[in-house]
Structures are given as C-alpha cells and as structure tokens.
Amino acid sequence: MTNIEKYNQLFIKILRVLPEELDNLRYRRHRAWDSIGHMDLMNAMEETFGVSMGTLDVLDFSSYEKGKEILAKYDVIIE
C-alpha cells in the first residue's frame, strides 16, 4: 500500500468520511473530526508512518492537505 493510500484510509476509517470528501476535509468542519477524533487520527498517523509529531505540528494539522505538508517535515511523502 502506498503512503497516499495509507493516509486516505486513516481518514476514511477514523473519521468515517467518503473518499470524495477528503480534499476539502478540515478540522472541526466535519462532525467526526472533533478534538477526540483529532487525537485518534494523530495517534494513527504516528503509528502508521513511524513518526512522533511535535505538539505544534499536531495542533497545526488542521486539514487533509495541511497534514501532507506536516508529514513531509518528517520525511513522509504523501503522493
């Protein structure tokens, strides 16, 4: 499975969104992406990609697209 497939599956499984919703997905703009959903998602991202994100990056992970930028800082390329 590619990184983009893993990344997408985390959002789909944890936040229960449809694939067509991913591009416009933003924190607190979807019922499941609340503070608890956010922490579940961050934990899954760290486990899946073998990284430990800093607090500021966890807080800044505010959208599907922004998450790709943040993971790139940890040498995880989502394409």
PDB file of N, CA and C in Angstrom:
ATOM      1  N   MET A   1       0.855  -1.177   0.000  1.00  0.00           N
ATOM      2  CA  MET A   1       0.000   0.000   0.000  1.00  0.00           C
ATOM      3  C   MET A   1       0.903   1.244   0.000  1.00  0.00           C
ATOM      4  N   THR A   2       0.577   2.197  -0.829  1.00  0.00           N
ATOM      5  CA  THR A   2       1.364   3.428  -0.914  1.00  0.00           C
ATOM      6  C   THR A   2       1.043   4.356   0.258  1.00  0.00           C
ATOM      7  N   ASN A   3       1.883   5.367   0.443  1.00  0.00           N
ATOM      8  CA  ASN A   3       1.637   6.325   1.527  1.00  0.00           C
ATOM      9  C   ASN A   3       0.308   7.056   1.361  1.00  0.00           C
ATOM     10  N   ILE A   4      -0.036   7.424   0.135  1.00  0.00           N
ATOM     11  CA  ILE A   4      -1.305   8.141  -0.075  1.00  0.00           C
ATOM     12  C   ILE A   4      -2.482   7.222   0.247  1.00  0.00           C
ATOM     13  N   GLU A   5      -2.362   5.954  -0.086  1.00  0.00           N
ATOM     14  CA  GLU A   5      -3.436   5.005   0.229  1.00  0.00           C
ATOM     15  C   GLU A   5      -3.574   4.832   1.744  1.00  0.00           C
ATOM     16  N   LYS A   6      -2.445   4.719   2.438  1.00  0.00           N
ATOM     17  CA  LYS A   6      -2.476   4.614   3.902  1.00  0.00           C
ATOM     18  C   LYS A   6      -3.084   5.873   4.515  1.00  0.00           C
ATOM     19  N   TYR A   7      -2.632   7.022   4.039  1.00  0.00           N
ATOM     20  CA  TYR A   7      -3.104   8.316   4.545  1.00  0.00           C
ATOM     21  C   TYR A   7      -4.617   8.438   4.374  1.00  0.00           C
ATOM     22  N   ASN A   8      -5.080   8.150   3.169  1.00  0.00           N
ATOM     23  CA  ASN A   8      -6.518   8.230   2.896  1.00  0.00           C
ATOM     24  C   ASN A   8      -7.309   7.268   3.777  1.00  0.00           C
ATOM     25  N   GLN A   9      -6.812   6.057   3.925  1.00  0.00           N
ATOM     26  CA  GLN A   9      -7.528   5.058   4.720  1.00  0.00           C
ATOM     27  C   GLN A   9      -7.657   5.470   6.180  1.00  0.00           C
ATOM     28  N   LEU A  10      -6.654   6.156   6.705  1.00  0.00           N
ATOM     29  CA  LEU A  10      -6.750   6.622   8.092  1.00  0.00           C
ATOM     30  C   LEU A  10      -7.914   7.592   8.258  1.00  0.00           C
ATOM     31  N   PHE A  11      -8.036   8.535   7.345  1.00  0.00           N
ATOM     32  CA  PHE A  11      -9.153   9.484   7.411  1.00  0.00           C
ATOM     33  C   PHE A  11     -10.489   8.765   7.237  1.00  0.00           C
ATOM     34  N   ILE A  12     -10.539   7.860   6.275  1.00  0.00           N
ATOM     35  CA  ILE A  12     -11.784   7.147   5.973  1.00  0.00           C
ATOM     36  C   ILE A  12     -12.219   6.285   7.163  1.00  0.00           C
ATOM     37  N   LYS A  13     -11.274   5.549   7.760  1.00  0.00           N
ATOM     38  CA  LYS A  13     -11.609   4.665   8.882  1.00  0.00           C
ATOM     39  C   LYS A  13     -11.896   5.428  10.167  1.00  0.00           C
ATOM     40  N   ILE A  14     -11.034   6.365  10.503  1.00  0.00           N
ATOM     41  CA  ILE A  14     -11.157   7.031  11.802  1.00  0.00           C
ATOM     42  C   ILE A  14     -12.269   8.070  11.809  1.00  0.00           C
ATOM     43  N   LEU A  15     -12.343   8.862  10.745  1.00  0.00           N
ATOM     44  CA  LEU A  15     -13.344   9.933  10.710  1.00  0.00           C
ATOM     45  C   LEU A  15     -14.616   9.535   9.969  1.00  0.00           C
ATOM     46  N   ARG A  16     -14.609   8.340   9.384  1.00  0.00           N
ATOM     47  CA  ARG A  16     -15.779   7.820   8.660  1.00  0.00           C
ATOM     48  C   ARG A  16     -16.256   8.780   7.571  1.00  0.00           C
ATOM     49  N   VAL A  17     -15.322   9.162   6.725  1.00  0.00           N
ATOM     50  CA  VAL A  17     -15.661  10.031   5.603  1.00  0.00           C
ATOM     51  C   VAL A  17     -15.593   9.233   4.311  1.00  0.00           C
ATOM     52  N   LEU A  18     -16.194   9.765   3.291  1.00  0.00           N
ATOM     53  CA  LEU A  18     -16.145   9.154   1.970  1.00  0.00           C
ATOM     54  C   LEU A  18     -14.900   9.649   1.241  1.00  0.00           C
ATOM     55  N   PRO A  19     -14.345   8.846   0.351  1.00  0.00           N
ATOM     56  CA  PRO A  19     -13.148   9.273  -0.377  1.00  0.00           C
ATOM     57  C   PRO A  19     -13.311  10.624  -1.077  1.00  0.00           C
ATOM     58  N   GLU A  20     -14.492  10.896  -1.588  1.00  0.00           N
ATOM     59  CA  GLU A  20     -14.702  12.163  -2.299  1.00  0.00           C
ATOM     60  C   GLU A  20     -14.742  13.376  -1.360  1.00  0.00           C
ATOM     61  N   GLU A  21     -14.802  13.146  -0.065  1.00  0.00           N
ATOM     62  CA  GLU A  21     -14.806  14.239   0.910  1.00  0.00           C
ATOM     63  C   GLU A  21     -13.399  14.651   1.346  1.00  0.00           C
ATOM     64  N   LEU A  22     -12.411  13.854   1.043  1.00  0.00           N
ATOM     65  CA  LEU A  22     -11.074  14.066   1.585  1.00  0.00           C
ATOM     66  C   LEU A  22     -10.461  15.415   1.235  1.00  0.00           C
ATOM     67  N   ASP A  23     -10.487  15.806  -0.019  1.00  0.00           N
ATOM     68  CA  ASP A  23      -9.797  17.030  -0.445  1.00  0.00           C
ATOM     69  C   ASP A  23     -10.234  18.278   0.305  1.00  0.00           C
ATOM     70  N   ASN A  24     -11.471  18.352   0.711  1.00  0.00           N
ATOM     71  CA  ASN A  24     -11.988  19.544   1.392  1.00  0.00           C
ATOM     72  C   ASN A  24     -12.135  19.362   2.899  1.00  0.00           C
ATOM     73  N   LEU A  25     -11.599  18.282   3.424  1.00  0.00           N
ATOM     74  CA  LEU A  25     -11.770  17.967   4.835  1.00  0.00           C
ATOM     75  C   LEU A  25     -10.931  18.889   5.716  1.00  0.00           C
ATOM     76  N   ARG A  26     -11.589  19.464   6.734  1.00  0.00           N
ATOM     77  CA  ARG A  26     -10.931  20.389   7.663  1.00  0.00           C
ATOM     78  C   ARG A  26     -11.344  20.058   9.097  1.00  0.00           C
ATOM     79  N   TYR A  27     -10.418  20.282  10.002  1.00  0.00           N
ATOM     80  CA  TYR A  27     -10.655  20.057  11.427  1.00  0.00           C
ATOM     81  C   TYR A  27     -11.838  20.899  11.906  1.00  0.00           C
ATOM     82  N   ARG A  28     -12.705  20.263  12.653  1.00  0.00           N
ATOM     83  CA  ARG A  28     -13.921  20.856  13.228  1.00  0.00           C
ATOM     84  C   ARG A  28     -14.966  21.279  12.200  1.00  0.00           C
ATOM     85  N   ARG A  29     -14.771  20.914  10.957  1.00  0.00           N
ATOM     86  CA  ARG A  29     -15.791  21.188   9.941  1.00  0.00           C
ATOM     87  C   ARG A  29     -16.508  19.901   9.534  1.00  0.00           C
ATOM     88  N   HIS A  30     -16.143  18.818  10.183  1.00  0.00           N
ATOM     89  CA  HIS A  30     -16.798  17.530   9.978  1.00  0.00           C
ATOM     90  C   HIS A  30     -17.137  16.993  11.364  1.00  0.00           C
ATOM     91  N   ARG A  31     -18.310  16.430  11.514  1.00  0.00           N
ATOM     92  CA  ARG A  31     -18.789  16.015  12.835  1.00  0.00           C
ATOM     93  C   ARG A  31     -17.827  15.075  13.557  1.00  0.00           C
ATOM     94  N   ALA A  32     -17.130  14.206  12.839  1.00  0.00           N
ATOM     95  CA  ALA A  32     -16.234  13.247  13.489  1.00  0.00           C
ATOM     96  C   ALA A  32     -14.839  13.815  13.758  1.00  0.00           C
ATOM     97  N   TRP A  33     -14.500  14.934  13.112  1.00  0.00           N
ATOM     98  CA  TRP A  33     -13.164  15.494  13.333  1.00  0.00           C
ATOM     99  C   TRP A  33     -13.238  16.567  14.412  1.00  0.00           C
ATOM    100  N   ASP A  34     -13.547  16.102  15.609  1.00  0.00           N
ATOM    101  CA  ASP A  34     -13.548  16.959  16.790  1.00  0.00           C
ATOM    102  C   ASP A  34     -12.231  16.706  17.530  1.00  0.00           C
ATOM    103  N   SER A  35     -12.107  17.175  18.753  1.00  0.00           N
ATOM    104  CA  SER A  35     -10.836  17.033  19.467  1.00  0.00           C
ATOM    105  C   SER A  35     -10.473  15.564  19.722  1.00  0.00           C
ATOM    106  N   ILE A  36     -11.451  14.742  20.018  1.00  0.00           N
ATOM    107  CA  ILE A  36     -11.176  13.325  20.247  1.00  0.00           C
ATOM    108  C   ILE A  36     -10.812  12.639  18.935  1.00  0.00           C
ATOM    109  N   GLY A  37     -11.569  12.915  17.890  1.00  0.00           N
ATOM    110  CA  GLY A  37     -11.251  12.372  16.575  1.00  0.00           C
ATOM    111  C   GLY A  37      -9.869  12.806  16.112  1.00  0.00           C
ATOM    112  N   HIS A  38      -9.505  14.040  16.443  1.00  0.00           N
ATOM    113  CA  HIS A  38      -8.194  14.567  16.059  1.00  0.00           C
ATOM    114  C   HIS A  38      -7.076  13.767  16.732  1.00  0.00           C
ATOM    115  N   MET A  39      -7.215  13.519  18.018  1.00  0.00           N
ATOM    116  CA  MET A  39      -6.179  12.766  18.725  1.00  0.00           C
ATOM    117  C   MET A  39      -6.109  11.324  18.238  1.00  0.00           C
ATOM    118  N   ASP A  40      -7.250  10.724  17.938  1.00  0.00           N
ATOM    119  CA  ASP A  40      -7.256   9.373  17.365  1.00  0.00           C
ATOM    120  C   ASP A  40      -6.529   9.364  16.025  1.00  0.00           C
ATOM    121  N   LEU A  41      -6.799  10.379  15.215  1.00  0.00           N
ATOM    122  CA  LEU A  41      -6.167  10.479  13.901  1.00  0.00           C
ATOM    123  C   LEU A  41      -4.663  10.692  14.036  1.00  0.00           C
ATOM    124  N   MET A  42      -4.246  11.568  14.942  1.00  0.00           N
ATOM    125  CA  MET A  42      -2.818  11.837  15.128  1.00  0.00           C
ATOM    126  C   MET A  42      -2.084  10.594  15.613  1.00  0.00           C
ATOM    127  N   ASN A  43      -2.679   9.873  16.540  1.00  0.00           N
ATOM    128  CA  ASN A  43      -2.081   8.636  17.039  1.00  0.00           C
ATOM    129  C   ASN A  43      -1.913   7.626  15.909  1.00  0.00           C
ATOM    130  N   ALA A  44      -2.936   7.481  15.092  1.00  0.00           N
ATOM    131  CA  ALA A  44      -2.879   6.543  13.972  1.00  0.00           C
ATOM    132  C   ALA A  44      -1.841   6.974  12.941  1.00  0.00           C
ATOM    133  N   MET A  45      -1.726   8.280  12.699  1.00  0.00           N
ATOM    134  CA  MET A  45      -0.714   8.785  11.761  1.00  0.00           C
ATOM    135  C   MET A  45       0.686   8.431  12.263  1.00  0.00           C
ATOM    136  N   GLU A  46       0.926   8.680  13.546  1.00  0.00           N
ATOM    137  CA  GLU A  46       2.242   8.393  14.111  1.00  0.00           C
ATOM    138  C   GLU A  46       2.561   6.906  14.040  1.00  0.00           C
ATOM    139  N   GLU A  47       1.614   6.067  14.378  1.00  0.00           N
ATOM    140  CA  GLU A  47       1.835   4.619  14.334  1.00  0.00           C
ATOM    141  C   GLU A  47       2.039   4.125  12.909  1.00  0.00           C
ATOM    142  N   THR A  48       1.208   4.585  12.000  1.00  0.00           N
ATOM    143  CA  THR A  48       1.264   4.119  10.615  1.00  0.00           C
ATOM    144  C   THR A  48       2.553   4.527   9.920  1.00  0.00           C
ATOM    145  N   PHE A  49       2.980   5.759  10.156  1.00  0.00           N
ATOM    146  CA  PHE A  49       4.147   6.280   9.444  1.00  0.00           C
ATOM    147  C   PHE A  49       5.426   6.276  10.280  1.00  0.00           C
ATOM    148  N   GLY A  50       5.366   5.774  11.504  1.00  0.00           N
ATOM    149  CA  GLY A  50       6.555   5.630  12.327  1.00  0.00           C
ATOM    150  C   GLY A  50       7.213   6.946  12.703  1.00  0.00           C
ATOM    151  N   VAL A  51       6.392   7.939  13.002  1.00  0.00           N
ATOM    152  CA  VAL A  51       6.913   9.252  13.383  1.00  0.00           C
ATOM    153  C   VAL A  51       6.347   9.646  14.743  1.00  0.00           C
ATOM    154  N   SER A  52       6.969  10.641  15.331  1.00  0.00           N
ATOM    155  CA  SER A  52       6.464  11.233  16.567  1.00  0.00           C
ATOM    156  C   SER A  52       6.377  12.732  16.320  1.00  0.00           C
ATOM    157  N   MET A  53       5.173  13.210  16.089  1.00  0.00           N
ATOM    158  CA  MET A  53       4.979  14.620  15.755  1.00  0.00           C
ATOM    159  C   MET A  53       5.075  15.491  16.999  1.00  0.00           C
ATOM    160  N   GLY A  54       5.646  16.660  16.811  1.00  0.00           N
ATOM    161  CA  GLY A  54       5.713  17.628  17.888  1.00  0.00           C
ATOM    162  C   GLY A  54       4.344  18.236  18.152  1.00  0.00           C
ATOM    163  N   THR A  55       4.201  18.818  19.321  1.00  0.00           N
ATOM    164  CA  THR A  55       2.926  19.406  19.731  1.00  0.00           C
ATOM    165  C   THR A  55       2.426  20.448  18.741  1.00  0.00           C
ATOM    166  N   LEU A  56       3.307  21.320  18.282  1.00  0.00           N
ATOM    167  CA  LEU A  56       2.885  22.364  17.339  1.00  0.00           C
ATOM    168  C   LEU A  56       2.392  21.768  16.027  1.00  0.00           C
ATOM    169  N   ASP A  57       3.018  20.682  15.583  1.00  0.00           N
ATOM    170  CA  ASP A  57       2.565  20.035  14.349  1.00  0.00           C
ATOM    171  C   ASP A  57       1.207  19.369  14.541  1.00  0.00           C
ATOM    172  N   VAL A  58       0.992  18.766  15.690  1.00  0.00           N
ATOM    173  CA  VAL A  58      -0.315  18.157  15.983  1.00  0.00           C
ATOM    174  C   VAL A  58      -1.399  19.230  15.969  1.00  0.00           C
ATOM    175  N   LEU A  59      -1.103  20.366  16.574  1.00  0.00           N
ATOM    176  CA  LEU A  59      -2.075  21.465  16.606  1.00  0.00           C
ATOM    177  C   LEU A  59      -2.294  22.073  15.229  1.00  0.00           C
ATOM    178  N   ASP A  60      -1.251  22.087  14.409  1.00  0.00           N
ATOM    179  CA  ASP A  60      -1.323  22.699  13.081  1.00  0.00           C
ATOM    180  C   ASP A  60      -1.946  21.775  12.030  1.00  0.00           C
ATOM    181  N   PHE A  61      -2.135  20.515  12.362  1.00  0.00           N
ATOM    182  CA  PHE A  61      -2.687  19.515  11.439  1.00  0.00           C
ATOM    183  C   PHE A  61      -4.184  19.782  11.329  1.00  0.00           C
ATOM    184  N   SER A  62      -4.531  20.758  10.516  1.00  0.00           N
ATOM    185  CA  SER A  62      -5.894  21.296  10.507  1.00  0.00           C
ATOM    186  C   SER A  62      -6.720  20.936   9.279  1.00  0.00           C
ATOM    187  N   SER A  63      -6.118  20.240   8.347  1.00  0.00           N
ATOM    188  CA  SER A  63      -6.860  19.831   7.155  1.00  0.00           C
ATOM    189  C   SER A  63      -6.167  18.636   6.512  1.00  0.00           C
ATOM    190  N   TYR A  64      -6.871  18.012   5.622  1.00  0.00           N
ATOM    191  CA  TYR A  64      -6.324  16.893   4.858  1.00  0.00           C
ATOM    192  C   TYR A  64      -5.055  17.328   4.135  1.00  0.00           C
ATOM    193  N   GLU A  65      -5.097  18.467   3.470  1.00  0.00           N
ATOM    194  CA  GLU A  65      -3.944  18.965   2.718  1.00  0.00           C
ATOM    195  C   GLU A  65      -2.805  19.392   3.636  1.00  0.00           C
ATOM    196  N   LYS A  66      -3.113  20.068   4.724  1.00  0.00           N
ATOM    197  CA  LYS A  66      -2.077  20.525   5.657  1.00  0.00           C
ATOM    198  C   LYS A  66      -1.345  19.333   6.260  1.00  0.00           C
ATOM    199  N   GLY A  67      -2.051  18.258   6.473  1.00  0.00           N
ATOM    200  CA  GLY A  67      -1.435  17.049   7.013  1.00  0.00           C
ATOM    201  C   GLY A  67      -0.327  16.514   6.130  1.00  0.00           C
ATOM    202  N   LYS A  68      -0.498  16.607   4.829  1.00  0.00           N
ATOM    203  CA  LYS A  68       0.545  16.162   3.899  1.00  0.00           C
ATOM    204  C   LYS A  68       1.812  16.988   4.086  1.00  0.00           C
ATOM    205  N   GLU A  69       1.651  18.301   4.246  1.00  0.00           N
ATOM    206  CA  GLU A  69       2.798  19.194   4.453  1.00  0.00           C
ATOM    207  C   GLU A  69       3.518  18.859   5.757  1.00  0.00           C
ATOM    208  N   ILE A  70       2.745  18.621   6.793  1.00  0.00           N
ATOM    209  CA  ILE A  70       3.340  18.325   8.098  1.00  0.00           C
ATOM    210  C   ILE A  70       4.091  17.002   8.062  1.00  0.00           C
ATOM    211  N   LEU A  71       3.510  15.982   7.486  1.00  0.00           N
ATOM    212  CA  LEU A  71       4.193  14.691   7.414  1.00  0.00           C
ATOM    213  C   LEU A  71       5.465  14.775   6.580  1.00  0.00           C
ATOM    214  N   ALA A  72       5.491  15.640   5.583  1.00  0.00           N
ATOM    215  CA  ALA A  72       6.697  15.816   4.763  1.00  0.00           C
ATOM    216  C   ALA A  72       7.869  16.301   5.616  1.00  0.00           C
ATOM    217  N   LYS A  73       7.587  17.046   6.668  1.00  0.00           N
ATOM    218  CA  LYS A  73       8.641  17.505   7.576  1.00  0.00           C
ATOM    219  C   LYS A  73       9.324  16.333   8.276  1.00  0.00           C
ATOM    220  N   TYR A  74       8.627  15.209   8.336  1.00  0.00           N
ATOM    221  CA  TYR A  74       9.148  14.000   8.967  1.00  0.00           C
ATOM    222  C   TYR A  74       9.580  12.974   7.910  1.00  0.00           C
ATOM    223  N   ASP A  75       9.827  13.470   6.704  1.00  0.00           N
ATOM    224  CA  ASP A  75      10.260  12.639   5.573  1.00  0.00           C
ATOM    225  C   ASP A  75       9.238  11.589   5.159  1.00  0.00           C
ATOM    226  N   VAL A  76       7.978  11.879   5.396  1.00  0.00           N
ATOM    227  CA  VAL A  76       6.892  11.017   4.922  1.00  0.00           C
ATOM    228  C   VAL A  76       6.236  11.757   3.765  1.00  0.00           C
ATOM    229  N   ILE A  77       6.446  11.262   2.569  1.00  0.00           N
ATOM    230  CA  ILE A  77       5.916  11.908   1.372  1.00  0.00           C
ATOM    231  C   ILE A  77       4.590  11.251   1.001  1.00  0.00           C
ATOM    232  N   ILE A  78       3.556  12.079   0.928  1.00  0.00           N
ATOM    233  CA  ILE A  78       2.211  11.614   0.584  1.00  0.00           C
ATOM    234  C   ILE A  78       1.916  12.078  -0.834  1.00  0.00           C
ATOM    235  N   GLU A  79       1.978  11.144  -1.775  1.00  0.00           N
ATOM    236  CA  GLU A  79       1.701  11.473  -3.182  1.00  0.00           C
ATOM    237  C   GLU A  79       0.745  10.460  -3.766  1.00  0.00           C
TER     238      GLU A  79
END
